[in-house]
Amino acid sequence: MQQRFLGRTGLRVSRLGLGTLTWGRDTDEHEARDQLIAFTEAGGTLLDTAASYGDGASEELIGSFLGDVVARDEVVIATKAGINRARGSRGTDVSRGSLIRTLDASLRRLGVDHVDLWQVHTWVDDVPLEETLSALDYAVATGRASYVGVANYAGWQSAKAATLQSAVTGRARLASNQVEYSLMNRSAEAEVIPAAQDLGLGVLPWSPLGRGVLTGKYRTGTPADSRAASPHFANFVGAYLTDLHARIVEAVARAADGLSWTPMEVALSWVRDRPGVTSPIVGARTAAQLRGALTVEECELPSEIVAALEDVSAPTT
């Protein structure tokens, strides 16, 4: 798998990342192991997790695989802090103390002395940005993280954070912004991606398959074993099961038929090769699904197909 630099840094990552949101919850140890083996055998290096994924279970699984399934120095571990999901409720805390405590807990679960990329998981209005950024500085200065970034920041938020970081001597430079981006949701193109390109941030799209809808699996209903049938993801996926989104799915399916590809390959190759994108983060329910996504490494969309897909998926506002 080809490697790309993360923004204007020296950190190289595979141009497809492995998402572990469901590891330790919907994805058990055996399935997670099989996914990691398939991913690394294909040349993948970027593993995306967060302290909130499975309330730490995702990080624990990754930690259990290091040195067994894969050597520590063969993967790029990216984790996040700032969102808490205790007892079924979602909370946020991006204060310096909370972030550092969360990072230390992540390191213990992962069984490592540092992570390659540590990200603030969300913007919070009522915490001073300078305080949040000071936690990132501390993480790099103490060797807990090699690089730092943000996630789910709007364009102006990432610009403010990156500008403040560079304005203060000694501050660790932001490397990335992880945001939702796919043919189903191109809102990042308005401000997030232009800001990232100007600031030298790598963009890490999450849900590049439109929450799974772009695979075409929902064209005739909701499969019983799909995420839309899960209580955890029903509303999340359901947001893209509309007539408007169905037209995009059909366009992807037609392109796939014409190219003798799968809809997954069409959708992934589109977002992977968008300007400013470093590495889409792909999550899979099974290792077989993941292997289907990994075939995108051999795919490159013809320009006329790109133009057609961009026309049908163009934002309406």
C-alpha atoms as a PDB file:
ATOM      1  CA  MET A   1       0.000   0.000   0.000  1.00  0.00           C
ATOM      2  CA  GLN A   2       1.277   3.445  -0.874  1.00  0.00           C
ATOM      3  CA  GLN A   3       2.338   5.774   1.927  1.00  0.00           C
ATOM      4  CA  ARG A   4       1.693   9.483   2.256  1.00  0.00           C
ATOM      5  CA  PHE A   5       3.058  12.201   4.506  1.00  0.00           C
ATOM      6  CA  LEU A   6       0.540  13.468   7.053  1.00  0.00           C
ATOM      7  CA  GLY A   7       0.151  17.110   6.092  1.00  0.00           C
ATOM      8  CA  ARG A   8       3.420  19.015   6.164  1.00  0.00           C
ATOM      9  CA  THR A   9       5.070  16.638   8.619  1.00  0.00           C
ATOM     10  CA  GLY A  10       7.547  13.805   8.273  1.00  0.00           C
ATOM     11  CA  LEU A  11       5.062  11.214   9.515  1.00  0.00           C
ATOM     12  CA  ARG A  12       4.298   8.631   6.839  1.00  0.00           C
ATOM     13  CA  VAL A  13       1.009   6.740   6.967  1.00  0.00           C
ATOM     14  CA  SER A  14      -0.708   4.288   4.643  1.00  0.00           C
ATOM     15  CA  ARG A  15      -3.172   5.962   2.304  1.00  0.00           C
ATOM     16  CA  LEU A  16      -5.945   3.903   3.889  1.00  0.00           C
ATOM     17  CA  GLY A  17      -6.379   3.707   7.650  1.00  0.00           C
ATOM     18  CA  LEU A  18      -8.023   0.996   9.734  1.00  0.00           C
ATOM     19  CA  GLY A  19     -10.800   2.221  12.009  1.00  0.00           C
ATOM     20  CA  THR A  20     -11.432   0.357  15.260  1.00  0.00           C
ATOM     21  CA  LEU A  21     -14.567   2.057  16.566  1.00  0.00           C
ATOM     22  CA  THR A  22     -16.401  -1.233  17.146  1.00  0.00           C
ATOM     23  CA  TRP A  23     -13.479  -3.290  18.450  1.00  0.00           C
ATOM     24  CA  GLY A  24     -14.212  -4.757  21.865  1.00  0.00           C
ATOM     25  CA  ARG A  25     -17.931  -4.087  21.514  1.00  0.00           C
ATOM     26  CA  ASP A  26     -19.465  -5.307  18.248  1.00  0.00           C
ATOM     27  CA  THR A  27     -16.180  -6.737  16.945  1.00  0.00           C
ATOM     28  CA  ASP A  28     -14.673  -9.466  19.130  1.00  0.00           C
ATOM     29  CA  GLU A  29     -11.017 -10.315  19.653  1.00  0.00           C
ATOM     30  CA  HIS A  30     -10.849 -12.986  16.948  1.00  0.00           C
ATOM     31  CA  GLU A  31     -12.464 -10.825  14.274  1.00  0.00           C
ATOM     32  CA  ALA A  32     -10.313  -7.844  15.237  1.00  0.00           C
ATOM     33  CA  ARG A  33      -7.179  -9.975  14.986  1.00  0.00           C
ATOM     34  CA  ASP A  34      -8.172 -11.158  11.521  1.00  0.00           C
ATOM     35  CA  GLN A  35      -8.806  -7.568  10.424  1.00  0.00           C
ATOM     36  CA  LEU A  36      -5.431  -6.412  11.685  1.00  0.00           C
ATOM     37  CA  ILE A  37      -3.663  -9.280   9.937  1.00  0.00           C
ATOM     38  CA  ALA A  38      -5.431  -8.541   6.648  1.00  0.00           C
ATOM     39  CA  PHE A  39      -4.683  -4.825   6.936  1.00  0.00           C
ATOM     40  CA  THR A  40      -0.990  -5.121   7.741  1.00  0.00           C
ATOM     41  CA  GLU A  41      -0.425  -7.870   5.164  1.00  0.00           C
ATOM     42  CA  ALA A  42      -1.782  -5.447   2.579  1.00  0.00           C
ATOM     43  CA  GLY A  43       0.790  -2.868   3.682  1.00  0.00           C
ATOM     44  CA  GLY A  44      -1.520  -0.804   5.888  1.00  0.00           C
ATOM     45  CA  THR A  45       0.067   1.021   8.806  1.00  0.00           C
ATOM     46  CA  LEU A  46      -2.379   3.603  10.201  1.00  0.00           C
ATOM     47  CA  LEU A  47      -4.506   2.304  13.102  1.00  0.00           C
ATOM     48  CA  ASP A  48      -7.194   4.717  14.274  1.00  0.00           C
ATOM     49  CA  THR A  49      -8.704   4.421  17.732  1.00  0.00           C
ATOM     50  CA  ALA A  50      -9.868   6.604  20.635  1.00  0.00           C
ATOM     51  CA  ALA A  51     -10.149   6.394  24.386  1.00  0.00           C
ATOM     52  CA  SER A  52     -13.929   6.455  24.015  1.00  0.00           C
ATOM     53  CA  TYR A  53     -14.160   3.533  21.578  1.00  0.00           C
ATOM     54  CA  GLY A  54     -15.740   0.725  23.561  1.00  0.00           C
ATOM     55  CA  ASP A  55     -14.861   2.748  26.680  1.00  0.00           C
ATOM     56  CA  GLY A  56     -11.223   1.796  26.172  1.00  0.00           C
ATOM     57  CA  ALA A  57     -11.806  -1.725  24.858  1.00  0.00           C
ATOM     58  CA  SER A  58     -10.565  -0.837  21.365  1.00  0.00           C
ATOM     59  CA  GLU A  59      -7.237   0.381  22.712  1.00  0.00           C
ATOM     60  CA  GLU A  60      -6.912  -2.701  24.912  1.00  0.00           C
ATOM     61  CA  LEU A  61      -7.358  -4.999  21.926  1.00  0.00           C
ATOM     62  CA  ILE A  62      -4.781  -3.104  19.894  1.00  0.00           C
ATOM     63  CA  GLY A  63      -2.383  -3.318  22.816  1.00  0.00           C
ATOM     64  CA  SER A  64      -2.878  -7.061  23.077  1.00  0.00           C
ATOM     65  CA  PHE A  65      -1.947  -7.465  19.396  1.00  0.00           C
ATOM     66  CA  LEU A  66       1.271  -5.449  19.513  1.00  0.00           C
ATOM     67  CA  GLY A  67       4.282  -7.727  19.526  1.00  0.00           C
ATOM     68  CA  ASP A  68       2.047 -10.676  18.661  1.00  0.00           C
ATOM     69  CA  VAL A  69       0.153  -9.921  15.460  1.00  0.00           C
ATOM     70  CA  VAL A  70       2.304  -6.952  14.480  1.00  0.00           C
ATOM     71  CA  ALA A  71       5.457  -5.266  15.767  1.00  0.00           C
ATOM     72  CA  ARG A  72       5.010  -1.893  17.429  1.00  0.00           C
ATOM     73  CA  ASP A  73       7.248  -0.096  14.942  1.00  0.00           C
ATOM     74  CA  GLU A  74       5.331  -1.476  11.956  1.00  0.00           C
ATOM     75  CA  VAL A  75       2.159   0.492  12.717  1.00  0.00           C
ATOM     76  CA  VAL A  76       1.229   4.129  13.240  1.00  0.00           C
ATOM     77  CA  ILE A  77      -1.038   4.343  16.284  1.00  0.00           C
ATOM     78  CA  ALA A  78      -3.451   7.273  16.315  1.00  0.00           C
ATOM     79  CA  THR A  79      -5.762   7.795  19.255  1.00  0.00           C
ATOM     80  CA  LYS A  80      -8.000  10.567  20.519  1.00  0.00           C
ATOM     81  CA  ALA A  81      -9.183  12.123  23.781  1.00  0.00           C
ATOM     82  CA  GLY A  82     -11.927  14.527  24.769  1.00  0.00           C
ATOM     83  CA  ILE A  83     -15.100  12.447  24.366  1.00  0.00           C
ATOM     84  CA  ASN A  84     -16.296  10.172  27.149  1.00  0.00           C
ATOM     85  CA  ARG A  85     -18.937   7.478  26.817  1.00  0.00           C
ATOM     86  CA  ALA A  86     -19.498   6.236  30.326  1.00  0.00           C
ATOM     87  CA  ARG A  87     -22.671   4.311  31.203  1.00  0.00           C
ATOM     88  CA  GLY A  88     -24.206   4.901  27.798  1.00  0.00           C
ATOM     89  CA  SER A  89     -24.021   8.700  27.904  1.00  0.00           C
ATOM     90  CA  ARG A  90     -21.782  10.967  25.852  1.00  0.00           C
ATOM     91  CA  GLY A  91     -19.787  13.720  27.501  1.00  0.00           C
ATOM     92  CA  THR A  92     -16.914  15.968  26.494  1.00  0.00           C
ATOM     93  CA  ASP A  93     -13.943  17.318  28.427  1.00  0.00           C
ATOM     94  CA  VAL A  94     -10.978  18.930  26.702  1.00  0.00           C
ATOM     95  CA  SER A  95      -9.454  20.515  29.783  1.00  0.00           C
ATOM     96  CA  ARG A  96      -5.704  20.059  30.194  1.00  0.00           C
ATOM     97  CA  GLY A  97      -6.026  17.784  33.209  1.00  0.00           C
ATOM     98  CA  SER A  98      -8.639  15.516  31.662  1.00  0.00           C
ATOM     99  CA  LEU A  99      -6.819  15.239  28.364  1.00  0.00           C
ATOM    100  CA  ILE A 100      -3.517  14.280  29.958  1.00  0.00           C
ATOM    101  CA  ARG A 101      -5.152  11.770  32.295  1.00  0.00           C
ATOM    102  CA  THR A 102      -6.949  10.257  29.319  1.00  0.00           C
ATOM    103  CA  LEU A 103      -3.721  10.029  27.327  1.00  0.00           C
ATOM    104  CA  ASP A 104      -1.932   8.272  30.176  1.00  0.00           C
ATOM    105  CA  ALA A 105      -4.796   5.787  30.438  1.00  0.00           C
ATOM    106  CA  SER A 106      -4.623   5.215  26.671  1.00  0.00           C
ATOM    107  CA  LEU A 107      -0.895   4.492  26.887  1.00  0.00           C
ATOM    108  CA  ARG A 108      -1.520   1.947  29.640  1.00  0.00           C
ATOM    109  CA  ARG A 109      -4.234   0.185  27.655  1.00  0.00           C
ATOM    110  CA  LEU A 110      -2.135   0.170  24.504  1.00  0.00           C
ATOM    111  CA  GLY A 111       0.932  -0.980  26.411  1.00  0.00           C
ATOM    112  CA  VAL A 112       3.183   1.614  24.766  1.00  0.00           C
ATOM    113  CA  ASP A 113       5.260   4.553  25.949  1.00  0.00           C
ATOM    114  CA  HIS A 114       3.993   6.856  23.213  1.00  0.00           C
ATOM    115  CA  VAL A 115       1.468   7.132  20.397  1.00  0.00           C
ATOM    116  CA  ASP A 116       2.374   8.356  16.949  1.00  0.00           C
ATOM    117  CA  LEU A 117      -0.581  10.728  16.629  1.00  0.00           C
ATOM    118  CA  TRP A 118      -2.708  12.070  19.472  1.00  0.00           C
ATOM    119  CA  GLN A 119      -5.815  14.085  18.615  1.00  0.00           C
ATOM    120  CA  VAL A 120      -8.330  16.218  20.451  1.00  0.00           C
ATOM    121  CA  HIS A 121     -11.567  14.445  19.582  1.00  0.00           C
ATOM    122  CA  THR A 122     -13.872  17.462  19.486  1.00  0.00           C
ATOM    123  CA  TRP A 123     -14.113  21.230  19.898  1.00  0.00           C
ATOM    124  CA  VAL A 124     -15.672  22.439  23.158  1.00  0.00           C
ATOM    125  CA  ASP A 125     -16.763  26.074  23.424  1.00  0.00           C
ATOM    126  CA  ASP A 126     -16.484  26.496  27.174  1.00  0.00           C
ATOM    127  CA  VAL A 127     -12.842  25.418  27.577  1.00  0.00           C
ATOM    128  CA  PRO A 128     -10.183  27.984  26.593  1.00  0.00           C
ATOM    129  CA  LEU A 129      -8.431  26.833  23.441  1.00  0.00           C
ATOM    130  CA  GLU A 130      -5.058  27.763  24.938  1.00  0.00           C
ATOM    131  CA  GLU A 131      -5.642  25.240  27.721  1.00  0.00           C
ATOM    132  CA  THR A 132      -6.536  22.466  25.307  1.00  0.00           C
ATOM    133  CA  LEU A 133      -3.504  23.197  23.151  1.00  0.00           C
ATOM    134  CA  SER A 134      -1.226  23.207  26.188  1.00  0.00           C
ATOM    135  CA  ALA A 135      -2.093  19.530  26.691  1.00  0.00           C
ATOM    136  CA  LEU A 136      -0.908  18.807  23.158  1.00  0.00           C
ATOM    137  CA  ASP A 137       2.337  20.646  23.862  1.00  0.00           C
ATOM    138  CA  TYR A 138       2.823  18.640  27.029  1.00  0.00           C
ATOM    139  CA  ALA A 139       2.208  15.345  25.241  1.00  0.00           C
ATOM    140  CA  VAL A 140       4.932  16.041  22.678  1.00  0.00           C
ATOM    141  CA  ALA A 141       7.367  17.618  25.145  1.00  0.00           C
ATOM    142  CA  THR A 142       7.168  14.586  27.444  1.00  0.00           C
ATOM    143  CA  GLY A 143       7.441  12.046  24.648  1.00  0.00           C
ATOM    144  CA  ARG A 144       3.915  10.728  25.094  1.00  0.00           C
ATOM    145  CA  ALA A 145       3.020  11.624  21.495  1.00  0.00           C
ATOM    146  CA  SER A 146       5.149  12.122  18.401  1.00  0.00           C
ATOM    147  CA  TYR A 147       2.579  14.240  16.563  1.00  0.00           C
ATOM    148  CA  VAL A 148      -0.680  15.914  17.523  1.00  0.00           C
ATOM    149  CA  GLY A 149      -3.855  16.877  15.726  1.00  0.00           C
ATOM    150  CA  VAL A 150      -7.545  17.604  16.073  1.00  0.00           C
ATOM    151  CA  ALA A 151     -10.764  15.917  15.025  1.00  0.00           C
ATOM    152  CA  ASN A 152     -14.163  17.255  14.012  1.00  0.00           C
ATOM    153  CA  TYR A 153     -12.931  20.850  13.980  1.00  0.00           C
ATOM    154  CA  ALA A 154     -14.652  23.285  11.625  1.00  0.00           C
ATOM    155  CA  GLY A 155     -12.496  25.250   9.234  1.00  0.00           C
ATOM    156  CA  TRP A 156     -12.287  28.344  11.428  1.00  0.00           C
ATOM    157  CA  GLN A 157     -11.658  26.233  14.515  1.00  0.00           C
ATOM    158  CA  SER A 158      -8.740  24.393  12.945  1.00  0.00           C
ATOM    159  CA  ALA A 159      -7.364  27.683  11.596  1.00  0.00           C
ATOM    160  CA  LYS A 160      -7.571  29.299  15.009  1.00  0.00           C
ATOM    161  CA  ALA A 161      -5.919  26.326  16.688  1.00  0.00           C
ATOM    162  CA  ALA A 162      -3.130  26.007  14.135  1.00  0.00           C
ATOM    163  CA  THR A 163      -2.450  29.739  14.122  1.00  0.00           C
ATOM    164  CA  LEU A 164      -2.301  29.882  17.913  1.00  0.00           C
ATOM    165  CA  GLN A 165       0.010  26.870  17.985  1.00  0.00           C
ATOM    166  CA  SER A 166       2.475  28.377  15.531  1.00  0.00           C
ATOM    167  CA  ALA A 167       2.384  31.781  17.217  1.00  0.00           C
ATOM    168  CA  VAL A 168       3.739  30.508  20.527  1.00  0.00           C
ATOM    169  CA  THR A 169       7.368  29.412  20.663  1.00  0.00           C
ATOM    170  CA  GLY A 170       7.848  25.742  21.458  1.00  0.00           C
ATOM    171  CA  ARG A 171       4.330  24.660  20.708  1.00  0.00           C
ATOM    172  CA  ALA A 172       3.851  21.355  18.905  1.00  0.00           C
ATOM    173  CA  ARG A 173       2.595  21.985  15.388  1.00  0.00           C
ATOM    174  CA  LEU A 174      -0.792  20.503  14.448  1.00  0.00           C
ATOM    175  CA  ALA A 175      -0.484  17.679  11.931  1.00  0.00           C
ATOM    176  CA  SER A 176      -4.055  16.787  11.038  1.00  0.00           C
ATOM    177  CA  ASN A 177      -7.806  17.214  11.245  1.00  0.00           C
ATOM    178  CA  GLN A 178     -10.032  14.132  11.202  1.00  0.00           C
ATOM    179  CA  VAL A 179     -13.525  14.872   9.865  1.00  0.00           C
ATOM    180  CA  GLU A 180     -16.436  13.142   8.179  1.00  0.00           C
ATOM    181  CA  TYR A 181     -16.033  13.230   4.396  1.00  0.00           C
ATOM    182  CA  SER A 182     -17.545  11.129   1.629  1.00  0.00           C
ATOM    183  CA  LEU A 183     -19.742  11.392  -1.440  1.00  0.00           C
ATOM    184  CA  MET A 184     -22.644  11.453   1.035  1.00  0.00           C
ATOM    185  CA  ASN A 185     -21.230  14.365   3.006  1.00  0.00           C
ATOM    186  CA  ARG A 186     -19.018  16.861   1.189  1.00  0.00           C
ATOM    187  CA  SER A 187     -19.479  19.720   3.652  1.00  0.00           C
ATOM    188  CA  ALA A 188     -15.764  19.574   4.517  1.00  0.00           C
ATOM    189  CA  GLU A 189     -14.986  21.000   1.075  1.00  0.00           C
ATOM    190  CA  ALA A 190     -16.441  24.395   1.982  1.00  0.00           C
ATOM    191  CA  GLU A 191     -13.948  25.381   4.685  1.00  0.00           C
ATOM    192  CA  VAL A 192     -12.297  22.428   6.432  1.00  0.00           C
ATOM    193  CA  ILE A 193     -10.241  21.133   3.518  1.00  0.00           C
ATOM    194  CA  PRO A 194      -9.181  24.561   2.169  1.00  0.00           C
ATOM    195  CA  ALA A 195      -8.104  25.520   5.691  1.00  0.00           C
ATOM    196  CA  ALA A 196      -6.197  22.265   6.095  1.00  0.00           C
ATOM    197  CA  GLN A 197      -4.387  22.713   2.786  1.00  0.00           C
ATOM    198  CA  ASP A 198      -3.430  26.287   3.645  1.00  0.00           C
ATOM    199  CA  LEU A 199      -2.249  25.329   7.146  1.00  0.00           C
ATOM    200  CA  GLY A 200      -0.481  22.141   6.119  1.00  0.00           C
ATOM    201  CA  LEU A 201      -2.807  19.776   7.975  1.00  0.00           C
ATOM    202  CA  GLY A 202      -3.466  16.303   6.669  1.00  0.00           C
ATOM    203  CA  VAL A 203      -7.161  15.429   6.367  1.00  0.00           C
ATOM    204  CA  LEU A 204      -8.216  12.039   7.716  1.00  0.00           C
ATOM    205  CA  PRO A 205     -11.778  11.355   6.536  1.00  0.00           C
ATOM    206  CA  TRP A 206     -13.909   9.219   8.807  1.00  0.00           C
ATOM    207  CA  SER A 207     -16.905   7.334   7.447  1.00  0.00           C
ATOM    208  CA  PRO A 208     -15.586   7.601   3.859  1.00  0.00           C
ATOM    209  CA  LEU A 209     -18.219   5.055   2.793  1.00  0.00           C
ATOM    210  CA  GLY A 210     -21.072   7.285   3.915  1.00  0.00           C
ATOM    211  CA  ARG A 211     -21.664   5.311   7.125  1.00  0.00           C
ATOM    212  CA  GLY A 212     -21.712   2.152   5.024  1.00  0.00           C
ATOM    213  CA  VAL A 213     -24.517   3.283   2.749  1.00  0.00           C
ATOM    214  CA  LEU A 214     -22.228   3.776  -0.277  1.00  0.00           C
ATOM    215  CA  THR A 215     -21.460   0.043  -0.337  1.00  0.00           C
ATOM    216  CA  GLY A 216     -24.963  -0.452  -1.736  1.00  0.00           C
ATOM    217  CA  LYS A 217     -25.987  -2.871   0.996  1.00  0.00           C
ATOM    218  CA  TYR A 218     -29.117  -0.833   1.819  1.00  0.00           C
ATOM    219  CA  ARG A 219     -30.457  -0.488  -1.718  1.00  0.00           C
ATOM    220  CA  THR A 220     -33.235  -3.054  -1.131  1.00  0.00           C
ATOM    221  CA  GLY A 221     -33.684  -2.809   2.632  1.00  0.00           C
ATOM    222  CA  THR A 222     -31.775  -3.118   5.889  1.00  0.00           C
ATOM    223  CA  PRO A 223     -29.829  -6.383   6.286  1.00  0.00           C
ATOM    224  CA  ALA A 224     -30.245  -7.955   9.702  1.00  0.00           C
ATOM    225  CA  ASP A 225     -26.486  -8.069  10.271  1.00  0.00           C
ATOM    226  CA  SER A 226     -25.807  -4.490   9.161  1.00  0.00           C
ATOM    227  CA  ARG A 227     -24.941  -1.476  11.289  1.00  0.00           C
ATOM    228  CA  ALA A 228     -28.300   0.110  10.512  1.00  0.00           C
ATOM    229  CA  ALA A 229     -29.930  -2.852  12.277  1.00  0.00           C
ATOM    230  CA  SER A 230     -27.776  -2.282  15.366  1.00  0.00           C
ATOM    231  CA  PRO A 231     -29.138  -0.175  18.241  1.00  0.00           C
ATOM    232  CA  HIS A 232     -25.754   1.589  18.399  1.00  0.00           C
ATOM    233  CA  PHE A 233     -25.839   2.778  14.796  1.00  0.00           C
ATOM    234  CA  ALA A 234     -29.462   2.785  13.585  1.00  0.00           C
ATOM    235  CA  ASN A 235     -29.917   6.557  13.759  1.00  0.00           C
ATOM    236  CA  PHE A 236     -26.365   7.214  12.628  1.00  0.00           C
ATOM    237  CA  VAL A 237     -26.797   5.227   9.416  1.00  0.00           C
ATOM    238  CA  GLY A 238     -30.439   6.177   8.975  1.00  0.00           C
ATOM    239  CA  ALA A 239     -29.511   9.807   8.316  1.00  0.00           C
ATOM    240  CA  TYR A 240     -28.226   8.701   4.897  1.00  0.00           C
ATOM    241  CA  LEU A 241     -31.119   6.441   3.967  1.00  0.00           C
ATOM    242  CA  THR A 242     -33.088   9.153   2.170  1.00  0.00           C
ATOM    243  CA  ASP A 243     -34.216   9.553  -1.433  1.00  0.00           C
ATOM    244  CA  LEU A 244     -31.539  12.200  -2.022  1.00  0.00           C
ATOM    245  CA  HIS A 245     -28.782   9.902  -0.797  1.00  0.00           C
ATOM    246  CA  ALA A 246     -30.250   6.979  -2.737  1.00  0.00           C
ATOM    247  CA  ARG A 247     -29.542   8.841  -5.987  1.00  0.00           C
ATOM    248  CA  ILE A 248     -25.878   9.073  -5.026  1.00  0.00           C
ATOM    249  CA  VAL A 249     -25.796   5.364  -4.214  1.00  0.00           C
ATOM    250  CA  GLU A 250     -27.290   4.526  -7.606  1.00  0.00           C
ATOM    251  CA  ALA A 251     -24.705   6.685  -9.376  1.00  0.00           C
ATOM    252  CA  VAL A 252     -21.918   4.902  -7.504  1.00  0.00           C
ATOM    253  CA  ALA A 253     -23.441   1.530  -8.386  1.00  0.00           C
ATOM    254  CA  ARG A 254     -23.667   2.455 -12.082  1.00  0.00           C
ATOM    255  CA  ALA A 255     -20.044   3.571 -12.089  1.00  0.00           C
ATOM    256  CA  ALA A 256     -19.032   0.325 -10.395  1.00  0.00           C
ATOM    257  CA  ASP A 257     -20.900  -1.741 -12.995  1.00  0.00           C
ATOM    258  CA  GLY A 258     -19.241   0.125 -15.837  1.00  0.00           C
ATOM    259  CA  LEU A 259     -15.773  -0.343 -14.376  1.00  0.00           C
ATOM    260  CA  SER A 260     -16.323  -3.918 -13.147  1.00  0.00           C
ATOM    261  CA  TRP A 261     -15.527  -2.659  -9.645  1.00  0.00           C
ATOM    262  CA  THR A 262     -17.525  -2.788  -6.444  1.00  0.00           C
ATOM    263  CA  PRO A 263     -19.412   0.283  -5.179  1.00  0.00           C
ATOM    264  CA  MET A 264     -17.035   0.252  -2.211  1.00  0.00           C
ATOM    265  CA  GLU A 265     -14.032   0.604  -4.511  1.00  0.00           C
ATOM    266  CA  VAL A 266     -15.650   3.500  -6.360  1.00  0.00           C
ATOM    267  CA  ALA A 267     -16.578   5.420  -3.206  1.00  0.00           C
ATOM    268  CA  LEU A 268     -13.255   4.831  -1.465  1.00  0.00           C
ATOM    269  CA  SER A 269     -11.067   5.690  -4.422  1.00  0.00           C
ATOM    270  CA  TRP A 270     -13.008   8.938  -4.894  1.00  0.00           C
ATOM    271  CA  VAL A 271     -12.422  10.203  -1.349  1.00  0.00           C
ATOM    272  CA  ARG A 272      -8.889   8.818  -1.090  1.00  0.00           C
ATOM    273  CA  ASP A 273      -7.760  10.861  -4.084  1.00  0.00           C
ATOM    274  CA  ARG A 274      -9.486  14.124  -3.206  1.00  0.00           C
ATOM    275  CA  PRO A 275      -7.202  17.174  -2.792  1.00  0.00           C
ATOM    276  CA  GLY A 276      -5.942  17.526   0.772  1.00  0.00           C
ATOM    277  CA  VAL A 277      -6.844  14.002   1.855  1.00  0.00           C
ATOM    278  CA  THR A 278      -4.104  11.910   3.448  1.00  0.00           C
ATOM    279  CA  SER A 279      -5.848   8.705   4.490  1.00  0.00           C
ATOM    280  CA  PRO A 280      -9.531   7.742   4.755  1.00  0.00           C
ATOM    281  CA  ILE A 281     -10.322   5.711   7.880  1.00  0.00           C
ATOM    282  CA  VAL A 282     -12.215   2.525   7.033  1.00  0.00           C
ATOM    283  CA  GLY A 283     -14.059   0.458   9.602  1.00  0.00           C
ATOM    284  CA  ALA A 284     -15.372  -2.997   8.807  1.00  0.00           C
ATOM    285  CA  ARG A 285     -17.689  -5.454  10.515  1.00  0.00           C
ATOM    286  CA  THR A 286     -15.708  -8.455   9.321  1.00  0.00           C
ATOM    287  CA  ALA A 287     -12.262  -9.229   7.926  1.00  0.00           C
ATOM    288  CA  ALA A 288     -13.940 -10.240   4.653  1.00  0.00           C
ATOM    289  CA  GLN A 289     -15.480  -6.777   4.361  1.00  0.00           C
ATOM    290  CA  LEU A 290     -12.129  -5.186   5.074  1.00  0.00           C
ATOM    291  CA  ARG A 291     -10.410  -7.248   2.394  1.00  0.00           C
ATOM    292  CA  GLY A 292     -13.040  -5.970  -0.033  1.00  0.00           C
ATOM    293  CA  ALA A 293     -12.025  -2.417   0.851  1.00  0.00           C
ATOM    294  CA  LEU A 294      -8.300  -3.100   0.596  1.00  0.00           C
ATOM    295  CA  THR A 295      -8.637  -3.906  -3.117  1.00  0.00           C
ATOM    296  CA  VAL A 296      -9.056  -0.162  -3.688  1.00  0.00           C
ATOM    297  CA  GLU A 297      -5.272   0.105  -3.684  1.00  0.00           C
ATOM    298  CA  GLU A 298      -5.345  -1.022  -7.321  1.00  0.00           C
ATOM    299  CA  CYS A 299      -8.119   1.403  -8.308  1.00  0.00           C
ATOM    300  CA  GLU A 300      -7.973   4.873  -9.811  1.00  0.00           C
ATOM    301  CA  LEU A 301     -11.151   6.505 -11.050  1.00  0.00           C
ATOM    302  CA  PRO A 302     -11.279   7.869 -14.613  1.00  0.00           C
ATOM    303  CA  SER A 303     -11.726  11.634 -14.702  1.00  0.00           C
ATOM    304  CA  GLU A 304     -15.123  11.438 -16.396  1.00  0.00           C
ATOM    305  CA  ILE A 305     -16.444   9.180 -13.619  1.00  0.00           C
ATOM    306  CA  VAL A 306     -15.089  11.589 -11.009  1.00  0.00           C
ATOM    307  CA  ALA A 307     -16.922  14.460 -12.711  1.00  0.00           C
ATOM    308  CA  ALA A 308     -20.189  12.523 -12.858  1.00  0.00           C
ATOM    309  CA  LEU A 309     -20.013  11.545  -9.200  1.00  0.00           C
ATOM    310  CA  GLU A 310     -19.227  15.084  -8.135  1.00  0.00           C
ATOM    311  CA  ASP A 311     -22.183  16.360 -10.130  1.00  0.00           C
ATOM    312  CA  VAL A 312     -24.713  13.996  -8.545  1.00  0.00           C
ATOM    313  CA  SER A 313     -23.304  14.462  -5.027  1.00  0.00           C
ATOM    314  CA  ALA A 314     -22.819  18.235  -5.132  1.00  0.00           C
ATOM    315  CA  PRO A 315     -24.012  19.899  -1.907  1.00  0.00           C
ATOM    316  CA  THR A 316     -27.422  21.536  -2.331  1.00  0.00           C
ATOM    317  CA  THR A 317     -26.692  24.442  -0.001  1.00  0.00           C
END
